[in-house]
Amino acid sequence: MATASGRLFAVAAALALTAMMVSGCTGDGEAGAFAAEFGDDPAVASVELTSHDNQPFTGGVSGQVVACAGLADREVTALADRLSSYTRENGARMRGLVSLLADDVELIVTGHLETDAAAVETALALRDDERVVSAEIAESFIAVVGADVGAAVELIRGLPELAATAPPEARSELFVRTEDRVVDVGDAPPRVAGALAAWDALVAEVPLTGMRLRDDALVMTLAQEADYARAAERAGILFPEAEPRLAFASELIRLGEADGARARDLVGRLDASELERIAYVWESGSRLQIAVTSKHHLDAVARSVTAVLPEGTSEAWVVVDGDAESRVDLVVP
């Protein structure tokens, strides 16, 4: 699995300091007891605790335990067992749960032996997977960050089988994304499976570079806008009653809460020389943002776009790509 040891050690140092402050300054009995139990554990790099109140001996505690980097599987399992036993024995007083972070894979420790053992098994499998950057096994979901688009898609494909070893409650929702969220798919397993089926069918027809599952749409990112007509045609044939509906973004058409129809309407009204100046058009609702490739094109594009804004556009503006401060608001008819 890809790791970020430098960042982890920096975080661990900060968490260790936080733990000392919590146990030493709040006077909370449960926080102090937990820190005393695990602060010197040889498998623990740091402990971050959150006290539920600051009254001595009455407040509960929750938080995160960071394992030392590179622990062997058996050492992670043993540490999780110790945390689980402590939580089981002291859960009524803790009134909260701790999580265990081992090399960028985090799991909730519930105090239930079978649940925690299943979570550890899944966590170790994810930790050993080179496609995984980081992962979380929570009480009601499993979330995984893939190393790249290909890795993320393959993780979506294999996650249901892997999740079969996880606690049943944690399988309620599955989330897979890349760090840049070019792939960002998460929902109940049947909906995630539907997104994967759509990807597999459409990537065989046109090159795709990403997908994002929203409440109302599955947005596929085309490698190039020129493939839109083909993609839309095939989607209509293959998924005529898709739920959620399919929408297509590209390097030219970027989507918020929209299907791209307004942005494509605008693009279709511009000539080739005008389009050469545009980096992308972003659409969300009835709003449009037009990004230009250079500040030298700002005024000219603002004029040409204003003249052809699609009917029903509520707000539109032009910016230089990468410079939000350059925004020029357009007069909407």
Protein backbone atom coordinates (compact mmCIF):
# COMPACT_ATOMS: atom_id res chain seq x y z
CA MET A 1 0.00 0.00 0.00
CA ALA A 2 1.20 3.52 -0.73
CA THR A 3 2.25 5.30 2.52
CA ALA A 4 3.11 8.79 3.69
CA SER A 5 5.45 8.05 6.57
CA GLY A 6 6.74 11.59 6.91
CA ARG A 7 3.25 12.97 7.25
CA LEU A 8 2.27 10.18 9.62
CA PHE A 9 5.18 10.87 11.97
CA ALA A 10 4.36 14.59 11.97
CA VAL A 11 0.73 13.83 12.75
CA ALA A 12 1.75 11.33 15.39
CA ALA A 13 3.90 13.90 17.16
CA ALA A 14 1.06 16.39 17.17
CA LEU A 15 -1.39 13.80 18.45
CA ALA A 16 0.97 12.76 21.22
CA LEU A 17 1.18 16.36 22.41
CA THR A 18 -2.60 16.65 22.28
CA ALA A 19 -2.99 13.52 24.34
CA MET A 20 -0.65 14.88 27.00
CA MET A 21 -2.62 18.11 27.13
CA VAL A 22 -5.93 16.27 27.43
CA SER A 23 -4.83 13.87 30.13
CA GLY A 24 -2.83 16.50 32.01
CA CYS A 25 -5.05 19.57 31.78
CA THR A 26 -8.70 18.55 31.75
CA GLY A 27 -8.52 16.34 34.82
CA ASP A 28 -11.03 14.02 33.17
CA GLY A 29 -10.82 10.64 34.83
CA GLU A 30 -11.64 8.54 31.80
CA ALA A 31 -9.26 10.38 29.51
CA GLY A 32 -6.51 10.01 32.06
CA ALA A 33 -7.25 6.34 32.59
CA PHE A 34 -7.19 5.62 28.86
CA ALA A 35 -3.97 7.57 28.34
CA ALA A 36 -2.38 5.75 31.26
CA GLU A 37 -3.39 2.40 29.81
CA PHE A 38 -2.09 3.01 26.28
CA GLY A 39 0.32 5.93 26.47
CA ASP A 40 3.31 3.64 27.06
CA ASP A 41 2.11 0.77 24.88
CA PRO A 42 5.09 -0.20 22.66
CA ALA A 43 2.79 -0.54 19.64
CA VAL A 44 1.33 2.96 20.07
CA ALA A 45 2.88 6.05 18.49
CA SER A 46 0.36 8.52 19.95
CA VAL A 47 -3.09 8.92 21.44
CA GLU A 48 -5.51 11.75 20.79
CA LEU A 49 -8.42 11.90 23.22
CA THR A 50 -11.54 13.99 23.26
CA SER A 51 -13.16 14.42 26.67
CA HIS A 52 -16.94 14.75 26.70
CA ASP A 53 -16.76 17.27 29.52
CA ASN A 54 -14.21 18.75 31.86
CA GLN A 55 -15.59 17.58 35.21
CA PRO A 56 -13.07 15.36 37.03
CA PHE A 57 -13.99 11.68 37.09
CA THR A 58 -17.37 12.18 35.38
CA GLY A 59 -16.64 12.85 31.71
CA GLY A 60 -16.56 10.26 28.96
CA VAL A 61 -13.85 9.91 26.34
CA SER A 62 -13.40 9.07 22.68
CA GLY A 63 -10.52 9.58 20.27
CA GLN A 64 -7.88 8.00 18.07
CA VAL A 65 -4.95 5.69 18.71
CA VAL A 66 -2.14 5.86 16.14
CA ALA A 67 -0.13 2.66 15.84
CA CYS A 68 3.61 2.74 15.26
CA ALA A 69 4.44 2.74 11.56
CA GLY A 70 5.12 -0.60 9.93
CA LEU A 71 3.76 -2.89 12.63
CA ALA A 72 3.40 -6.50 11.57
CA ASP A 73 -0.14 -7.80 11.06
CA ARG A 74 -0.04 -9.78 14.29
CA GLU A 75 1.04 -6.68 16.24
CA VAL A 76 -1.79 -4.60 14.79
CA THR A 77 -4.23 -7.40 15.61
CA ALA A 78 -2.91 -7.64 19.17
CA LEU A 79 -3.18 -3.88 19.67
CA ALA A 80 -6.74 -3.90 18.35
CA ASP A 81 -7.55 -6.75 20.76
CA ARG A 82 -6.20 -4.72 23.68
CA LEU A 83 -8.23 -1.69 22.64
CA SER A 84 -11.32 -3.84 22.16
CA SER A 85 -10.95 -5.44 25.58
CA TYR A 86 -10.48 -2.06 27.25
CA THR A 87 -13.52 -0.65 25.46
CA ARG A 88 -15.63 -3.66 26.37
CA GLU A 89 -14.66 -3.44 30.04
CA ASN A 90 -14.93 0.35 30.34
CA GLY A 91 -17.50 1.22 27.69
CA ALA A 92 -20.17 2.34 30.14
CA ARG A 93 -17.83 4.96 31.58
CA MET A 94 -16.16 5.92 28.29
CA ARG A 95 -19.49 6.76 26.61
CA GLY A 96 -17.60 6.92 23.32
CA LEU A 97 -15.41 4.95 20.95
CA VAL A 98 -11.79 5.16 19.88
CA SER A 99 -10.43 4.40 16.44
CA LEU A 100 -7.16 2.71 15.55
CA LEU A 101 -5.03 4.16 12.74
CA ALA A 102 -2.42 1.78 11.33
CA ASP A 103 -0.41 3.04 8.35
CA ASP A 104 -3.24 5.20 6.96
CA VAL A 105 -5.95 2.59 7.48
CA GLU A 106 -8.37 3.45 10.27
CA LEU A 107 -10.99 1.34 12.00
CA ILE A 108 -13.50 1.95 14.76
CA VAL A 109 -13.03 -0.18 17.87
CA THR A 110 -16.45 -1.10 19.25
CA GLY A 111 -15.59 -3.40 22.13
CA HIS A 112 -17.45 -6.29 20.49
CA LEU A 113 -14.95 -9.08 19.90
CA GLU A 114 -16.32 -10.47 16.62
CA THR A 115 -17.03 -7.03 15.16
CA ASP A 116 -13.56 -5.73 15.93
CA ALA A 117 -11.84 -8.90 14.71
CA ALA A 118 -13.68 -8.62 11.39
CA ALA A 119 -12.77 -4.94 11.07
CA VAL A 120 -9.10 -5.70 11.72
CA GLU A 121 -9.07 -8.46 9.10
CA THR A 122 -10.49 -6.07 6.50
CA ALA A 123 -8.15 -3.26 7.58
CA LEU A 124 -5.07 -5.45 7.20
CA ALA A 125 -6.15 -6.55 3.73
CA LEU A 126 -6.57 -2.91 2.70
CA ARG A 127 -3.25 -1.93 4.28
CA ASP A 128 -1.45 -4.57 2.22
CA ASP A 129 -3.10 -3.53 -1.06
CA GLU A 130 -0.77 -1.42 -3.22
CA ARG A 131 -3.77 0.23 -4.88
CA VAL A 132 -4.89 1.74 -1.57
CA VAL A 133 -3.64 5.12 -0.36
CA SER A 134 -5.81 5.20 2.75
CA ALA A 135 -8.99 3.62 4.09
CA GLU A 136 -11.52 3.83 6.89
CA ILE A 137 -13.74 1.14 8.34
CA ALA A 138 -16.43 2.94 10.29
CA GLU A 139 -19.50 1.60 12.04
CA SER A 140 -21.75 2.05 8.99
CA PHE A 141 -19.45 2.38 5.97
CA ILE A 142 -16.14 1.46 4.38
CA ALA A 143 -14.24 4.23 2.56
CA VAL A 144 -11.16 3.68 0.42
CA VAL A 145 -8.89 6.13 -1.43
CA GLY A 146 -7.29 4.61 -4.53
CA ALA A 147 -3.87 5.49 -5.91
CA ASP A 148 -5.23 6.49 -9.33
CA VAL A 149 -8.28 6.09 -11.56
CA GLY A 150 -7.44 2.54 -12.60
CA ALA A 151 -6.79 1.51 -9.02
CA ALA A 152 -10.02 3.11 -7.81
CA VAL A 153 -12.12 1.35 -10.45
CA GLU A 154 -10.56 -2.00 -9.60
CA LEU A 155 -11.16 -1.34 -5.91
CA ILE A 156 -14.82 -0.67 -6.66
CA ARG A 157 -14.88 -3.98 -8.50
CA GLY A 158 -13.30 -5.93 -5.66
CA LEU A 159 -14.60 -4.07 -2.61
CA PRO A 160 -17.85 -6.05 -2.16
CA GLU A 161 -15.90 -9.29 -1.91
CA LEU A 162 -13.36 -7.73 0.44
CA ALA A 163 -16.13 -6.14 2.50
CA ALA A 164 -17.64 -9.57 3.04
CA THR A 165 -15.07 -10.05 5.80
CA ALA A 166 -15.98 -6.72 7.45
CA PRO A 167 -18.62 -6.26 10.17
CA PRO A 168 -22.11 -6.42 8.59
CA GLU A 169 -22.97 -2.90 9.74
CA ALA A 170 -19.90 -1.48 8.00
CA ARG A 171 -21.13 -2.78 4.65
CA SER A 172 -24.15 -0.45 4.60
CA GLU A 173 -22.32 1.99 2.33
CA LEU A 174 -19.16 1.68 0.26
CA PHE A 175 -17.07 4.68 -0.78
CA VAL A 176 -14.17 4.67 -3.24
CA ARG A 177 -12.43 7.77 -4.54
CA THR A 178 -9.08 9.09 -5.71
CA GLU A 179 -7.34 11.86 -3.79
CA ASP A 180 -8.28 14.39 -6.48
CA ARG A 181 -11.85 13.00 -6.57
CA VAL A 182 -11.69 12.34 -10.30
CA VAL A 183 -13.28 9.11 -9.17
CA ASP A 184 -15.75 9.61 -6.31
CA VAL A 185 -18.30 6.82 -5.94
CA GLY A 186 -20.11 6.06 -2.72
CA ASP A 187 -23.53 4.80 -1.71
CA ALA A 188 -25.34 1.60 -0.83
CA PRO A 189 -23.68 -1.41 -2.50
CA PRO A 190 -26.35 -1.89 -5.22
CA ARG A 191 -25.95 1.72 -6.38
CA VAL A 192 -22.16 1.39 -6.40
CA ALA A 193 -22.49 -1.81 -8.42
CA GLY A 194 -24.72 0.04 -10.88
CA ALA A 195 -22.11 2.76 -11.31
CA LEU A 196 -19.46 0.14 -12.04
CA ALA A 197 -21.71 -1.59 -14.59
CA ALA A 198 -22.25 1.72 -16.38
CA TRP A 199 -18.51 2.40 -16.40
CA ASP A 200 -17.70 -1.03 -17.82
CA ALA A 201 -20.29 -0.69 -20.57
CA LEU A 202 -19.38 2.84 -21.61
CA VAL A 203 -15.59 2.62 -21.35
CA ALA A 204 -15.82 -0.07 -24.03
CA GLU A 205 -17.41 2.54 -26.30
CA VAL A 206 -15.50 5.77 -25.50
CA PRO A 207 -12.41 6.61 -23.41
CA LEU A 208 -13.34 7.63 -19.85
CA THR A 209 -11.10 9.29 -17.26
CA GLY A 210 -13.31 9.43 -14.18
CA MET A 211 -16.76 9.13 -12.63
CA ARG A 212 -18.66 10.74 -9.80
CA LEU A 213 -21.84 9.39 -8.22
CA ARG A 214 -24.24 12.06 -7.02
CA ASP A 215 -27.68 11.75 -5.47
CA ASP A 216 -29.33 12.59 -8.77
CA ALA A 217 -26.80 11.52 -11.40
CA LEU A 218 -23.81 9.39 -12.30
CA VAL A 219 -21.34 11.74 -13.98
CA MET A 220 -18.85 10.11 -16.34
CA THR A 221 -15.82 12.14 -17.42
CA LEU A 222 -14.93 11.82 -21.09
CA ALA A 223 -11.32 11.87 -22.19
CA GLN A 224 -12.32 14.49 -24.75
CA GLU A 225 -15.48 16.49 -25.41
CA ALA A 226 -15.52 15.31 -29.02
CA ASP A 227 -16.71 11.91 -27.72
CA TYR A 228 -19.86 13.35 -26.12
CA ALA A 229 -22.28 12.58 -28.97
CA ARG A 230 -21.13 8.96 -29.14
CA ALA A 231 -21.27 8.55 -25.36
CA ALA A 232 -24.74 10.05 -25.07
CA GLU A 233 -26.02 7.88 -27.90
CA ARG A 234 -24.64 4.67 -26.41
CA ALA A 235 -25.88 5.59 -22.93
CA GLY A 236 -29.37 6.09 -24.34
CA ILE A 237 -29.27 2.64 -25.92
CA LEU A 238 -27.59 0.76 -23.09
CA PHE A 239 -29.26 2.54 -20.17
CA PRO A 240 -32.52 4.04 -21.44
CA GLU A 241 -34.06 4.23 -17.97
CA ALA A 242 -30.92 4.63 -15.88
CA GLU A 243 -31.40 5.48 -12.23
CA PRO A 244 -29.62 7.64 -11.35
CA ARG A 245 -29.49 9.34 -14.74
CA LEU A 246 -26.22 9.50 -16.64
CA ALA A 247 -24.43 12.78 -17.35
CA PHE A 248 -21.13 13.48 -19.06
CA ALA A 249 -18.36 15.90 -18.18
CA SER A 250 -15.09 16.46 -20.08
CA GLU A 251 -12.00 18.63 -20.11
CA LEU A 252 -14.17 21.37 -21.66
CA ILE A 253 -17.48 20.82 -19.85
CA ARG A 254 -17.31 20.64 -16.06
CA LEU A 255 -20.38 19.90 -13.98
CA GLY A 256 -21.68 20.87 -10.60
CA GLU A 257 -25.32 20.03 -10.01
CA ALA A 258 -26.17 19.96 -13.72
CA ASP A 259 -26.25 17.69 -16.76
CA GLY A 260 -24.16 19.90 -19.07
CA ALA A 261 -26.95 20.83 -21.49
CA ARG A 262 -26.66 24.58 -20.85
CA ALA A 263 -22.85 24.58 -21.08
CA ARG A 264 -22.94 22.59 -24.32
CA ASP A 265 -25.60 24.92 -25.70
CA LEU A 266 -23.26 27.85 -25.04
CA VAL A 267 -20.23 26.11 -26.54
CA GLY A 268 -22.23 25.25 -29.63
CA ARG A 269 -22.92 28.94 -30.23
CA LEU A 270 -19.24 29.90 -30.31
CA ASP A 271 -16.94 29.64 -33.30
CA ALA A 272 -13.60 27.82 -33.33
CA SER A 273 -11.51 30.94 -32.70
CA GLU A 274 -13.59 31.81 -29.64
CA LEU A 275 -13.41 28.27 -28.29
CA GLU A 276 -9.61 28.29 -28.53
CA ARG A 277 -9.58 30.97 -25.83
CA ILE A 278 -11.71 28.95 -23.41
CA ALA A 279 -10.20 26.45 -20.97
CA TYR A 280 -13.55 25.11 -19.77
CA VAL A 281 -17.18 25.94 -19.05
CA TRP A 282 -18.57 24.97 -15.63
CA GLU A 283 -22.30 24.53 -15.14
CA SER A 284 -24.25 24.16 -11.92
CA GLY A 285 -27.98 24.71 -11.79
CA SER A 286 -28.65 27.68 -14.04
CA ARG A 287 -25.20 29.23 -13.45
CA LEU A 288 -22.24 29.24 -15.81
CA GLN A 289 -18.56 29.96 -15.27
CA ILE A 290 -16.41 30.39 -18.34
CA ALA A 291 -12.66 30.04 -17.74
CA VAL A 292 -10.26 31.52 -20.31
CA THR A 293 -6.71 30.40 -20.97
CA SER A 294 -5.15 33.85 -20.58
CA LYS A 295 -6.01 37.19 -19.03
CA HIS A 296 -5.55 38.70 -22.48
CA HIS A 297 -8.72 36.90 -23.59
CA LEU A 298 -10.87 37.97 -20.65
CA ASP A 299 -12.64 40.98 -22.18
CA ALA A 300 -13.07 39.51 -25.66
CA VAL A 301 -14.59 36.28 -24.34
CA ALA A 302 -16.82 38.19 -21.93
CA ARG A 303 -18.27 40.13 -24.87
CA SER A 304 -18.75 37.13 -27.15
CA VAL A 305 -20.26 34.94 -24.43
CA THR A 306 -22.66 37.62 -23.23
CA ALA A 307 -24.16 37.78 -26.70
CA VAL A 308 -24.98 34.05 -26.79
CA LEU A 309 -25.90 33.08 -23.23
CA PRO A 310 -28.53 30.33 -23.27
CA GLU A 311 -32.06 31.27 -22.27
CA GLY A 312 -32.76 30.71 -18.58
CA THR A 313 -29.18 31.36 -17.42
CA SER A 314 -29.49 33.06 -14.03
CA GLU A 315 -25.85 34.00 -13.49
CA ALA A 316 -22.69 33.90 -15.59
CA TRP A 317 -19.14 35.10 -15.24
CA VAL A 318 -15.73 34.80 -16.86
CA VAL A 319 -12.47 34.08 -15.04
CA VAL A 320 -8.89 33.38 -15.98
CA ASP A 321 -8.23 29.68 -15.42
CA GLY A 322 -6.68 29.30 -11.97
CA ASP A 323 -7.32 32.92 -10.90
CA ALA A 324 -10.67 33.34 -9.13
CA GLU A 325 -9.89 36.98 -8.37
CA SER A 326 -10.06 37.78 -12.09
CA ARG A 327 -13.84 37.23 -12.17
CA VAL A 328 -15.88 39.41 -14.52
CA ASP A 329 -19.64 39.13 -14.03
CA LEU A 330 -21.70 39.11 -17.20
CA VAL A 331 -25.00 40.88 -17.77
CA VAL A 332 -27.60 38.14 -18.03
CA PRO A 333 -30.57 38.93 -20.32
